[in-house]
């Protein structure tokens, strides 16, 4: 068996190379930082971006010159903390399955670096921190944020019972499309629902790309995923998901009163997604991971388009 210090030092396959968690963080803290996915920041980016999309659309609809900076900061902190809490819960539930998959068997729980009890306490602490962030918003947004916990709770079990667990992940990871809007208006309007479902289809697409890394191990472990389900039609399925996401985002932009800058951002977003789809066919594990991670840039392009459109409308 590999000694615990060496396990703590070993980077996980999908972690950023040379990240400070693996190189400079105190060794005793590294398993918990890895449990929180700190060295894999793409997860909190993907949780955060629908919040910023909705905040940008809300600024356009409300005639504001930019998204509320305080909200933008709270969404950032909340995404990092709640992604960490959700990942910890997911790893507690999946620790036996993770031990059967090459990419995940080195994670802190299946490798024995952290006990399930310690992980549960860590999750509770993170959840309380997330609650403190949520309490900074209006009452409607607080209620909306709490309502998301039911979806978060069932997601880890979906890969056991459905071929499309990515759909449930999308319902959870896209929730920011609702709270980002309600934080401004204290209610939900059609653009909020449209940007939410745009993010859902975006999530199904990019997480299918992510799941392409594990198809062989998933078959052995009996884990269901959209990559397995779509099989040789994965490229077409991801393309369809991305097309629907773009269409719904376009409708949300139109209903929110978006102008040429917002639609230019949407166009660049669509071009980025099209680039991904073109490279999916026959992609190996490293290529799939690269394409998955590139969705941070795609999402930032759309968020920037919305924010700049609000600024342009206020200026002119």
C-alpha atoms as a PDB file:
ATOM      1  CA  UNK A   1       0.000   0.000   0.000  1.00  0.00           C
ATOM      2  CA  UNK A   2       1.221   3.522  -0.813  1.00  0.00           C
ATOM      3  CA  UNK A   3       2.092   5.481   2.351  1.00  0.00           C
ATOM      4  CA  UNK A   4      -0.398   8.220   3.232  1.00  0.00           C
ATOM      5  CA  UNK A   5       2.101  11.102   2.720  1.00  0.00           C
ATOM      6  CA  UNK A   6       2.803   9.942  -0.814  1.00  0.00           C
ATOM      7  CA  UNK A   7      -0.919   9.660  -1.515  1.00  0.00           C
ATOM      8  CA  UNK A   8      -1.399  13.223  -0.301  1.00  0.00           C
ATOM      9  CA  UNK A   9       1.384  14.419  -2.595  1.00  0.00           C
ATOM     10  CA  UNK A  10       0.157  12.586  -5.693  1.00  0.00           C
ATOM     11  CA  UNK A  11      -1.867  14.804  -8.069  1.00  0.00           C
ATOM     12  CA  UNK A  12      -5.162  13.384  -9.289  1.00  0.00           C
ATOM     13  CA  UNK A  13      -5.476  12.655 -13.029  1.00  0.00           C
ATOM     14  CA  UNK A  14      -7.882  15.528 -13.784  1.00  0.00           C
ATOM     15  CA  UNK A  15      -6.192  18.086 -11.506  1.00  0.00           C
ATOM     16  CA  UNK A  16      -4.285  21.100 -12.774  1.00  0.00           C
ATOM     17  CA  UNK A  17      -0.585  20.283 -12.997  1.00  0.00           C
ATOM     18  CA  UNK A  18       1.654  22.056 -10.484  1.00  0.00           C
ATOM     19  CA  UNK A  19      -1.296  23.448  -8.532  1.00  0.00           C
ATOM     20  CA  UNK A  20      -0.435  24.918  -5.133  1.00  0.00           C
ATOM     21  CA  UNK A  21      -2.585  22.282  -3.403  1.00  0.00           C
ATOM     22  CA  UNK A  22      -0.158  19.590  -4.612  1.00  0.00           C
ATOM     23  CA  UNK A  23       3.017  21.614  -4.211  1.00  0.00           C
ATOM     24  CA  UNK A  24       2.750  24.101  -1.339  1.00  0.00           C
ATOM     25  CA  UNK A  25      -0.298  23.379   0.835  1.00  0.00           C
ATOM     26  CA  UNK A  26       0.384  21.739   4.237  1.00  0.00           C
ATOM     27  CA  UNK A  27       0.344  17.983   3.713  1.00  0.00           C
ATOM     28  CA  UNK A  28      -2.305  17.392   6.382  1.00  0.00           C
ATOM     29  CA  UNK A  29      -4.694  19.754   4.602  1.00  0.00           C
ATOM     30  CA  UNK A  30      -4.167  18.422   1.091  1.00  0.00           C
ATOM     31  CA  UNK A  31      -6.724  15.578   1.280  1.00  0.00           C
ATOM     32  CA  UNK A  32      -9.418  18.033   2.388  1.00  0.00           C
ATOM     33  CA  UNK A  33      -8.480  20.575  -0.276  1.00  0.00           C
ATOM     34  CA  UNK A  34      -8.676  17.773  -2.841  1.00  0.00           C
ATOM     35  CA  UNK A  35     -12.011  16.661  -1.413  1.00  0.00           C
ATOM     36  CA  UNK A  36     -13.184  20.240  -2.026  1.00  0.00           C
ATOM     37  CA  UNK A  37     -11.774  20.085  -5.592  1.00  0.00           C
ATOM     38  CA  UNK A  38      -9.681  23.221  -5.009  1.00  0.00           C
ATOM     39  CA  UNK A  39      -7.044  21.981  -7.431  1.00  0.00           C
ATOM     40  CA  UNK A  40      -9.792  21.391 -10.016  1.00  0.00           C
ATOM     41  CA  UNK A  41     -11.318  24.881 -10.286  1.00  0.00           C
ATOM     42  CA  UNK A  42     -13.266  24.183 -13.465  1.00  0.00           C
ATOM     43  CA  UNK A  43     -16.136  22.839 -11.335  1.00  0.00           C
ATOM     44  CA  UNK A  44     -16.777  26.044  -9.435  1.00  0.00           C
ATOM     45  CA  UNK A  45     -16.376  28.060 -12.632  1.00  0.00           C
ATOM     46  CA  UNK A  46     -19.131  26.018 -14.265  1.00  0.00           C
ATOM     47  CA  UNK A  47     -21.353  26.442 -11.198  1.00  0.00           C
ATOM     48  CA  UNK A  48     -20.654  30.185 -11.109  1.00  0.00           C
ATOM     49  CA  UNK A  49     -21.144  31.108 -14.750  1.00  0.00           C
ATOM     50  CA  UNK A  50     -24.961  30.701 -14.935  1.00  0.00           C
ATOM     51  CA  UNK A  51     -25.125  33.082 -11.936  1.00  0.00           C
ATOM     52  CA  UNK A  52     -23.107  35.653 -13.853  1.00  0.00           C
ATOM     53  CA  UNK A  53     -25.140  35.091 -17.041  1.00  0.00           C
ATOM     54  CA  UNK A  54     -28.359  35.799 -15.173  1.00  0.00           C
ATOM     55  CA  UNK A  55     -26.835  38.765 -13.341  1.00  0.00           C
ATOM     56  CA  UNK A  56     -25.804  40.250 -16.688  1.00  0.00           C
ATOM     57  CA  UNK A  57     -29.231  39.685 -18.228  1.00  0.00           C
ATOM     58  CA  UNK A  58     -30.889  41.190 -15.157  1.00  0.00           C
ATOM     59  CA  UNK A  59     -28.693  44.279 -15.464  1.00  0.00           C
ATOM     60  CA  UNK A  60     -29.789  44.669 -19.105  1.00  0.00           C
ATOM     61  CA  UNK A  61     -33.469  44.234 -18.219  1.00  0.00           C
ATOM     62  CA  UNK A  62     -33.256  46.633 -15.271  1.00  0.00           C
ATOM     63  CA  UNK A  63     -31.377  49.302 -17.231  1.00  0.00           C
ATOM     64  CA  UNK A  64     -28.324  49.075 -14.955  1.00  0.00           C
ATOM     65  CA  UNK A  65     -24.847  49.926 -16.296  1.00  0.00           C
ATOM     66  CA  UNK A  66     -23.337  46.698 -14.969  1.00  0.00           C
ATOM     67  CA  UNK A  67     -24.203  43.638 -12.863  1.00  0.00           C
ATOM     68  CA  UNK A  68     -24.280  44.306  -9.120  1.00  0.00           C
ATOM     69  CA  UNK A  69     -20.598  43.936  -7.994  1.00  0.00           C
ATOM     70  CA  UNK A  70     -21.622  42.716  -4.519  1.00  0.00           C
ATOM     71  CA  UNK A  71     -23.758  39.995  -6.070  1.00  0.00           C
ATOM     72  CA  UNK A  72     -20.925  39.026  -8.429  1.00  0.00           C
ATOM     73  CA  UNK A  73     -18.576  38.579  -5.451  1.00  0.00           C
ATOM     74  CA  UNK A  74     -21.141  36.649  -3.409  1.00  0.00           C
ATOM     75  CA  UNK A  75     -21.811  34.328  -6.338  1.00  0.00           C
ATOM     76  CA  UNK A  76     -18.069  33.678  -6.648  1.00  0.00           C
ATOM     77  CA  UNK A  77     -17.643  32.823  -2.973  1.00  0.00           C
ATOM     78  CA  UNK A  78     -20.842  30.798  -2.905  1.00  0.00           C
ATOM     79  CA  UNK A  79     -19.885  28.797  -5.997  1.00  0.00           C
ATOM     80  CA  UNK A  80     -16.491  27.843  -4.560  1.00  0.00           C
ATOM     81  CA  UNK A  81     -17.921  26.875  -1.172  1.00  0.00           C
ATOM     82  CA  UNK A  82     -21.008  25.031  -2.380  1.00  0.00           C
ATOM     83  CA  UNK A  83     -19.148  23.217  -5.136  1.00  0.00           C
ATOM     84  CA  UNK A  84     -16.796  22.001  -2.402  1.00  0.00           C
ATOM     85  CA  UNK A  85     -19.714  20.891  -0.222  1.00  0.00           C
ATOM     86  CA  UNK A  86     -21.474  19.166  -3.118  1.00  0.00           C
ATOM     87  CA  UNK A  87     -18.314  17.408  -4.248  1.00  0.00           C
ATOM     88  CA  UNK A  88     -17.675  16.158  -0.726  1.00  0.00           C
ATOM     89  CA  UNK A  89     -21.206  14.777  -0.511  1.00  0.00           C
ATOM     90  CA  UNK A  90     -20.821  13.173  -3.929  1.00  0.00           C
ATOM     91  CA  UNK A  91     -17.545  11.529  -2.879  1.00  0.00           C
ATOM     92  CA  UNK A  92     -19.060  10.200   0.351  1.00  0.00           C
ATOM     93  CA  UNK A  93     -21.872   8.549  -1.605  1.00  0.00           C
ATOM     94  CA  UNK A  94     -19.622   7.337  -4.437  1.00  0.00           C
ATOM     95  CA  UNK A  95     -16.538   6.215  -2.509  1.00  0.00           C
ATOM     96  CA  UNK A  96     -17.032   2.515  -3.349  1.00  0.00           C
ATOM     97  CA  UNK A  97     -17.728   3.207  -7.021  1.00  0.00           C
ATOM     98  CA  UNK A  98     -14.779   5.607  -7.197  1.00  0.00           C
ATOM     99  CA  UNK A  99     -12.494   2.820  -5.987  1.00  0.00           C
ATOM    100  CA  UNK A 100     -13.326   0.889  -9.186  1.00  0.00           C
ATOM    101  CA  UNK A 101     -12.489   3.713 -11.642  1.00  0.00           C
ATOM    102  CA  UNK A 102      -8.872   4.475 -12.508  1.00  0.00           C
ATOM    103  CA  UNK A 103      -9.382   8.261 -12.653  1.00  0.00           C
ATOM    104  CA  UNK A 104     -11.065   8.428  -9.228  1.00  0.00           C
ATOM    105  CA  UNK A 105      -9.575   5.691  -7.062  1.00  0.00           C
ATOM    106  CA  UNK A 106      -6.859   8.045  -5.793  1.00  0.00           C
ATOM    107  CA  UNK A 107      -9.402  10.497  -4.374  1.00  0.00           C
ATOM    108  CA  UNK A 108      -9.180  11.104  -0.585  1.00  0.00           C
ATOM    109  CA  UNK A 109     -12.116   8.868   0.424  1.00  0.00           C
ATOM    110  CA  UNK A 110     -11.585   5.712  -1.685  1.00  0.00           C
ATOM    111  CA  UNK A 111      -7.831   5.880  -1.007  1.00  0.00           C
ATOM    112  CA  UNK A 112      -8.375   6.125   2.753  1.00  0.00           C
ATOM    113  CA  UNK A 113      -6.784   9.544   3.263  1.00  0.00           C
ATOM    114  CA  UNK A 114     -10.019  10.896   4.789  1.00  0.00           C
ATOM    115  CA  UNK A 115     -12.633   8.942   6.747  1.00  0.00           C
ATOM    116  CA  UNK A 116     -16.334   9.198   5.834  1.00  0.00           C
ATOM    117  CA  UNK A 117     -17.046  10.781   9.247  1.00  0.00           C
ATOM    118  CA  UNK A 118     -14.379  13.451   8.802  1.00  0.00           C
ATOM    119  CA  UNK A 119     -15.638  14.140   5.284  1.00  0.00           C
ATOM    120  CA  UNK A 120     -19.196  14.544   6.587  1.00  0.00           C
ATOM    121  CA  UNK A 121     -18.090  17.072   9.211  1.00  0.00           C
ATOM    122  CA  UNK A 122     -16.122  18.928   6.555  1.00  0.00           C
ATOM    123  CA  UNK A 123     -19.236  19.025   4.351  1.00  0.00           C
ATOM    124  CA  UNK A 124     -21.368  20.446   7.175  1.00  0.00           C
ATOM    125  CA  UNK A 125     -18.844  23.233   7.771  1.00  0.00           C
ATOM    126  CA  UNK A 126     -18.811  24.130   4.090  1.00  0.00           C
ATOM    127  CA  UNK A 127     -22.610  24.091   3.936  1.00  0.00           C
ATOM    128  CA  UNK A 128     -22.849  26.520   6.856  1.00  0.00           C
ATOM    129  CA  UNK A 129     -20.432  28.851   5.091  1.00  0.00           C
ATOM    130  CA  UNK A 130     -22.602  28.633   1.985  1.00  0.00           C
ATOM    131  CA  UNK A 131     -25.677  29.467   4.060  1.00  0.00           C
ATOM    132  CA  UNK A 132     -23.987  32.626   5.354  1.00  0.00           C
ATOM    133  CA  UNK A 133     -23.424  33.715   1.753  1.00  0.00           C
ATOM    134  CA  UNK A 134     -27.023  32.934   0.770  1.00  0.00           C
ATOM    135  CA  UNK A 135     -28.398  34.975   3.680  1.00  0.00           C
ATOM    136  CA  UNK A 136     -26.980  38.131   2.112  1.00  0.00           C
ATOM    137  CA  UNK A 137     -29.676  38.064  -0.583  1.00  0.00           C
ATOM    138  CA  UNK A 138     -33.387  38.881  -0.553  1.00  0.00           C
ATOM    139  CA  UNK A 139     -35.921  36.451   0.919  1.00  0.00           C
ATOM    140  CA  UNK A 140     -37.052  35.094  -2.465  1.00  0.00           C
ATOM    141  CA  UNK A 141     -33.474  34.294  -3.471  1.00  0.00           C
ATOM    142  CA  UNK A 142     -32.762  32.652  -0.109  1.00  0.00           C
ATOM    143  CA  UNK A 143     -35.779  30.389  -0.610  1.00  0.00           C
ATOM    144  CA  UNK A 144     -34.737  29.642  -4.188  1.00  0.00           C
ATOM    145  CA  UNK A 145     -31.220  28.750  -3.085  1.00  0.00           C
ATOM    146  CA  UNK A 146     -32.469  26.385  -0.397  1.00  0.00           C
ATOM    147  CA  UNK A 147     -34.819  24.743  -2.901  1.00  0.00           C
ATOM    148  CA  UNK A 148     -31.813  23.610  -4.955  1.00  0.00           C
ATOM    149  CA  UNK A 149     -30.599  21.318  -2.175  1.00  0.00           C
ATOM    150  CA  UNK A 150     -33.100  18.600  -3.054  1.00  0.00           C
ATOM    151  CA  UNK A 151     -31.630  18.213  -6.537  1.00  0.00           C
ATOM    152  CA  UNK A 152     -28.083  18.306  -5.155  1.00  0.00           C
ATOM    153  CA  UNK A 153     -28.985  15.531  -2.709  1.00  0.00           C
ATOM    154  CA  UNK A 154     -30.306  13.108  -5.331  1.00  0.00           C
ATOM    155  CA  UNK A 155     -27.684  13.681  -8.026  1.00  0.00           C
ATOM    156  CA  UNK A 156     -25.017  11.207  -6.755  1.00  0.00           C
ATOM    157  CA  UNK A 157     -27.547   8.368  -6.932  1.00  0.00           C
ATOM    158  CA  UNK A 158     -28.630   9.080 -10.513  1.00  0.00           C
ATOM    159  CA  UNK A 159     -25.653   7.353 -12.147  1.00  0.00           C
ATOM    160  CA  UNK A 160     -26.980   4.120 -10.643  1.00  0.00           C
ATOM    161  CA  UNK A 161     -30.516   4.371 -12.025  1.00  0.00           C
ATOM    162  CA  UNK A 162     -30.550   6.518 -15.175  1.00  0.00           C
ATOM    163  CA  UNK A 163     -28.547   6.722 -18.382  1.00  0.00           C
ATOM    164  CA  UNK A 164     -28.655  10.515 -18.223  1.00  0.00           C
ATOM    165  CA  UNK A 165     -27.372  11.568 -14.791  1.00  0.00           C
ATOM    166  CA  UNK A 166     -25.980  14.618 -16.601  1.00  0.00           C
ATOM    167  CA  UNK A 167     -29.538  15.956 -16.867  1.00  0.00           C
ATOM    168  CA  UNK A 168     -29.901  15.973 -13.080  1.00  0.00           C
ATOM    169  CA  UNK A 169     -26.447  17.514 -12.757  1.00  0.00           C
ATOM    170  CA  UNK A 170     -27.618  20.214 -15.157  1.00  0.00           C
ATOM    171  CA  UNK A 171     -30.668  20.952 -13.019  1.00  0.00           C
ATOM    172  CA  UNK A 172     -28.374  21.484 -10.024  1.00  0.00           C
ATOM    173  CA  UNK A 173     -25.400  23.218 -11.661  1.00  0.00           C
ATOM    174  CA  UNK A 174     -27.609  25.662 -13.587  1.00  0.00           C
ATOM    175  CA  UNK A 175     -29.532  26.921 -10.558  1.00  0.00           C
ATOM    176  CA  UNK A 176     -27.558  30.142 -10.667  1.00  0.00           C
ATOM    177  CA  UNK A 177     -29.585  31.103 -13.725  1.00  0.00           C
ATOM    178  CA  UNK A 178     -32.540  31.492 -11.363  1.00  0.00           C
ATOM    179  CA  UNK A 179     -30.866  33.053  -8.327  1.00  0.00           C
ATOM    180  CA  UNK A 180     -28.812  35.481 -10.410  1.00  0.00           C
ATOM    181  CA  UNK A 181     -32.039  36.983 -11.743  1.00  0.00           C
ATOM    182  CA  UNK A 182     -34.052  36.833  -8.515  1.00  0.00           C
ATOM    183  CA  UNK A 183     -31.234  38.558  -6.610  1.00  0.00           C
ATOM    184  CA  UNK A 184     -32.029  41.687  -8.652  1.00  0.00           C
ATOM    185  CA  UNK A 185     -35.810  41.508  -9.040  1.00  0.00           C
ATOM    186  CA  UNK A 186     -36.930  39.361  -6.090  1.00  0.00           C
ATOM    187  CA  UNK A 187     -38.924  37.187  -8.479  1.00  0.00           C
ATOM    188  CA  UNK A 188     -38.512  34.948 -11.525  1.00  0.00           C
ATOM    189  CA  UNK A 189     -39.411  36.048 -15.048  1.00  0.00           C
ATOM    190  CA  UNK A 190     -39.251  34.248 -18.438  1.00  0.00           C
ATOM    191  CA  UNK A 191     -35.613  35.265 -19.185  1.00  0.00           C
ATOM    192  CA  UNK A 192     -34.529  33.602 -15.922  1.00  0.00           C
ATOM    193  CA  UNK A 193     -36.172  30.306 -16.816  1.00  0.00           C
ATOM    194  CA  UNK A 194     -34.797  30.438 -20.352  1.00  0.00           C
ATOM    195  CA  UNK A 195     -31.209  31.096 -19.269  1.00  0.00           C
ATOM    196  CA  UNK A 196     -31.608  28.376 -16.633  1.00  0.00           C
ATOM    197  CA  UNK A 197     -32.604  25.749 -19.183  1.00  0.00           C
ATOM    198  CA  UNK A 198     -29.942  27.022 -21.577  1.00  0.00           C
ATOM    199  CA  UNK A 199     -27.420  26.241 -18.837  1.00  0.00           C
ATOM    200  CA  UNK A 200     -29.030  22.826 -18.260  1.00  0.00           C
ATOM    201  CA  UNK A 201     -28.464  21.792 -21.877  1.00  0.00           C
ATOM    202  CA  UNK A 202     -24.982  23.306 -21.818  1.00  0.00           C
ATOM    203  CA  UNK A 203     -24.219  21.199 -18.744  1.00  0.00           C
ATOM    204  CA  UNK A 204     -25.499  17.992 -20.344  1.00  0.00           C
ATOM    205  CA  UNK A 205     -23.223  18.686 -23.294  1.00  0.00           C
ATOM    206  CA  UNK A 206     -20.022  19.495 -21.452  1.00  0.00           C
ATOM    207  CA  UNK A 207     -20.463  16.774 -18.826  1.00  0.00           C
ATOM    208  CA  UNK A 208     -21.000  14.220 -21.584  1.00  0.00           C
ATOM    209  CA  UNK A 209     -17.622  15.298 -22.946  1.00  0.00           C
ATOM    210  CA  UNK A 210     -16.160  14.886 -19.438  1.00  0.00           C
ATOM    211  CA  UNK A 211     -17.680  11.410 -19.104  1.00  0.00           C
ATOM    212  CA  UNK A 212     -15.907  10.298 -22.286  1.00  0.00           C
ATOM    213  CA  UNK A 213     -12.781   9.831 -20.129  1.00  0.00           C
ATOM    214  CA  UNK A 214     -14.322   7.009 -18.099  1.00  0.00           C
ATOM    215  CA  UNK A 215     -16.396   4.932 -20.532  1.00  0.00           C
ATOM    216  CA  UNK A 216     -14.379   1.698 -20.208  1.00  0.00           C
ATOM    217  CA  UNK A 217     -14.180   1.836 -16.407  1.00  0.00           C
ATOM    218  CA  UNK A 218     -17.840   2.860 -16.132  1.00  0.00           C
ATOM    219  CA  UNK A 219     -18.862  -0.275 -18.023  1.00  0.00           C
ATOM    220  CA  UNK A 220     -16.900  -2.445 -15.573  1.00  0.00           C
ATOM    221  CA  UNK A 221     -18.249  -0.620 -12.507  1.00  0.00           C
ATOM    222  CA  UNK A 222     -21.821  -0.497 -13.826  1.00  0.00           C
ATOM    223  CA  UNK A 223     -21.903   3.316 -13.762  1.00  0.00           C
ATOM    224  CA  UNK A 224     -24.391   4.909 -16.156  1.00  0.00           C
ATOM    225  CA  UNK A 225     -23.563   8.067 -18.113  1.00  0.00           C
ATOM    226  CA  UNK A 226     -24.684   9.984 -21.176  1.00  0.00           C
ATOM    227  CA  UNK A 227     -21.372   9.187 -22.904  1.00  0.00           C
ATOM    228  CA  UNK A 228     -22.152   5.476 -22.590  1.00  0.00           C
ATOM    229  CA  UNK A 229     -25.773   5.996 -23.571  1.00  0.00           C
ATOM    230  CA  UNK A 230     -25.087   8.072 -26.695  1.00  0.00           C
ATOM    231  CA  UNK A 231     -22.201   5.833 -27.750  1.00  0.00           C
ATOM    232  CA  UNK A 232     -21.127   6.461 -31.349  1.00  0.00           C
ATOM    233  CA  UNK A 233     -23.642   9.311 -31.560  1.00  0.00           C
ATOM    234  CA  UNK A 234     -21.977  11.290 -28.763  1.00  0.00           C
ATOM    235  CA  UNK A 235     -20.703  13.998 -31.104  1.00  0.00           C
ATOM    236  CA  UNK A 236     -24.163  14.584 -32.554  1.00  0.00           C
ATOM    237  CA  UNK A 237     -25.818  14.498 -29.124  1.00  0.00           C
ATOM    238  CA  UNK A 238     -23.415  17.058 -27.665  1.00  0.00           C
ATOM    239  CA  UNK A 239     -23.909  19.223 -30.754  1.00  0.00           C
ATOM    240  CA  UNK A 240     -27.682  19.093 -30.275  1.00  0.00           C
ATOM    241  CA  UNK A 241     -27.391  20.002 -26.580  1.00  0.00           C
ATOM    242  CA  UNK A 242     -25.155  22.948 -27.400  1.00  0.00           C
ATOM    243  CA  UNK A 243     -27.507  24.100 -30.174  1.00  0.00           C
ATOM    244  CA  UNK A 244     -30.504  24.050 -27.819  1.00  0.00           C
ATOM    245  CA  UNK A 245     -28.483  25.895 -25.164  1.00  0.00           C
ATOM    246  CA  UNK A 246     -27.598  28.602 -27.666  1.00  0.00           C
ATOM    247  CA  UNK A 247     -31.196  28.938 -28.872  1.00  0.00           C
ATOM    248  CA  UNK A 248     -32.588  29.240 -25.337  1.00  0.00           C
ATOM    249  CA  UNK A 249     -29.896  31.747 -24.370  1.00  0.00           C
ATOM    250  CA  UNK A 250     -30.793  33.758 -27.461  1.00  0.00           C
ATOM    251  CA  UNK A 251     -34.465  33.834 -26.483  1.00  0.00           C
ATOM    252  CA  UNK A 252     -33.517  34.892 -22.960  1.00  0.00           C
ATOM    253  CA  UNK A 253     -31.338  37.670 -24.364  1.00  0.00           C
ATOM    254  CA  UNK A 254     -34.148  38.920 -26.615  1.00  0.00           C
ATOM    255  CA  UNK A 255     -36.760  38.917 -23.845  1.00  0.00           C
ATOM    256  CA  UNK A 256     -34.379  40.730 -21.487  1.00  0.00           C
ATOM    257  CA  UNK A 257     -33.883  43.468 -24.082  1.00  0.00           C
ATOM    258  CA  UNK A 258     -30.346  42.548 -25.055  1.00  0.00           C
ATOM    259  CA  UNK A 259     -28.680  44.489 -27.848  1.00  0.00           C
ATOM    260  CA  UNK A 260     -26.036  43.872 -30.466  1.00  0.00           C
ATOM    261  CA  UNK A 261     -23.207  43.429 -27.957  1.00  0.00           C
ATOM    262  CA  UNK A 262     -25.101  40.711 -26.075  1.00  0.00           C
ATOM    263  CA  UNK A 263     -25.894  38.886 -29.304  1.00  0.00           C
ATOM    264  CA  UNK A 264     -22.271  39.220 -30.428  1.00  0.00           C
ATOM    265  CA  UNK A 265     -21.219  37.519 -27.187  1.00  0.00           C
ATOM    266  CA  UNK A 266     -23.802  34.822 -27.835  1.00  0.00           C
ATOM    267  CA  UNK A 267     -22.415  34.322 -31.334  1.00  0.00           C
ATOM    268  CA  UNK A 268     -18.872  33.894 -30.032  1.00  0.00           C
ATOM    269  CA  UNK A 269     -20.202  31.494 -27.398  1.00  0.00           C
ATOM    270  CA  UNK A 270     -21.860  29.427 -30.145  1.00  0.00           C
ATOM    271  CA  UNK A 271     -18.663  29.420 -32.229  1.00  0.00           C
ATOM    272  CA  UNK A 272     -16.693  28.119 -29.240  1.00  0.00           C
ATOM    273  CA  UNK A 273     -19.200  25.332 -28.682  1.00  0.00           C
ATOM    274  CA  UNK A 274     -19.068  24.456 -32.386  1.00  0.00           C
ATOM    275  CA  UNK A 275     -15.278  24.195 -32.153  1.00  0.00           C
ATOM    276  CA  UNK A 276     -15.699  21.719 -29.288  1.00  0.00           C
ATOM    277  CA  UNK A 277     -18.156  19.586 -31.241  1.00  0.00           C
ATOM    278  CA  UNK A 278     -15.830  19.448 -34.238  1.00  0.00           C
ATOM    279  CA  UNK A 279     -13.050  17.987 -32.054  1.00  0.00           C
ATOM    280  CA  UNK A 280     -15.171  15.491 -30.116  1.00  0.00           C
ATOM    281  CA  UNK A 281     -15.152  12.757 -32.754  1.00  0.00           C
ATOM    282  CA  UNK A 282     -12.567  10.184 -31.748  1.00  0.00           C
ATOM    283  CA  UNK A 283     -11.269  12.338 -28.882  1.00  0.00           C
ATOM    284  CA  UNK A 284      -9.049  10.554 -26.361  1.00  0.00           C
ATOM    285  CA  UNK A 285      -9.134  11.146 -22.588  1.00  0.00           C
ATOM    286  CA  UNK A 286      -6.753  14.159 -22.490  1.00  0.00           C
ATOM    287  CA  UNK A 287      -8.559  15.809 -25.401  1.00  0.00           C
ATOM    288  CA  UNK A 288     -11.946  15.268 -23.749  1.00  0.00           C
ATOM    289  CA  UNK A 289     -10.622  16.840 -20.534  1.00  0.00           C
ATOM    290  CA  UNK A 290      -9.222  19.807 -22.472  1.00  0.00           C
ATOM    291  CA  UNK A 291     -12.535  20.371 -24.260  1.00  0.00           C
ATOM    292  CA  UNK A 292     -14.463  20.065 -21.003  1.00  0.00           C
ATOM    293  CA  UNK A 293     -12.244  22.641 -19.310  1.00  0.00           C
ATOM    294  CA  UNK A 294     -12.577  25.012 -22.258  1.00  0.00           C
ATOM    295  CA  UNK A 295     -16.190  25.607 -21.269  1.00  0.00           C
ATOM    296  CA  UNK A 296     -14.961  28.092 -18.682  1.00  0.00           C
ATOM    297  CA  UNK A 297     -13.839  30.321 -21.551  1.00  0.00           C
ATOM    298  CA  UNK A 298     -17.073  29.741 -23.459  1.00  0.00           C
ATOM    299  CA  UNK A 299     -19.137  30.735 -20.419  1.00  0.00           C
ATOM    300  CA  UNK A 300     -16.996  33.788 -19.702  1.00  0.00           C
ATOM    301  CA  UNK A 301     -17.465  34.989 -23.286  1.00  0.00           C
ATOM    302  CA  UNK A 302     -21.245  34.927 -22.840  1.00  0.00           C
ATOM    303  CA  UNK A 303     -21.079  36.587 -19.407  1.00  0.00           C
ATOM    304  CA  UNK A 304     -18.843  39.331 -20.797  1.00  0.00           C
ATOM    305  CA  UNK A 305     -21.226  39.898 -23.704  1.00  0.00           C
ATOM    306  CA  UNK A 306     -24.124  40.454 -21.320  1.00  0.00           C
ATOM    307  CA  UNK A 307     -22.151  42.748 -18.987  1.00  0.00           C
ATOM    308  CA  UNK A 308     -20.758  44.837 -21.863  1.00  0.00           C
ATOM    309  CA  UNK A 309     -24.199  45.128 -23.418  1.00  0.00           C
ATOM    310  CA  UNK A 310     -25.557  46.557 -20.156  1.00  0.00           C
ATOM    311  CA  UNK A 311     -22.701  49.067 -20.129  1.00  0.00           C
ATOM    312  CA  UNK A 312     -23.261  50.018 -23.773  1.00  0.00           C
ATOM    313  CA  UNK A 313     -26.990  50.559 -23.251  1.00  0.00           C
ATOM    314  CA  UNK A 314     -26.346  52.734 -20.190  1.00  0.00           C
ATOM    315  CA  UNK A 315     -23.757  54.786 -22.067  1.00  0.00           C
ATOM    316  CA  UNK A 316     -25.836  55.406 -25.164  1.00  0.00           C
END
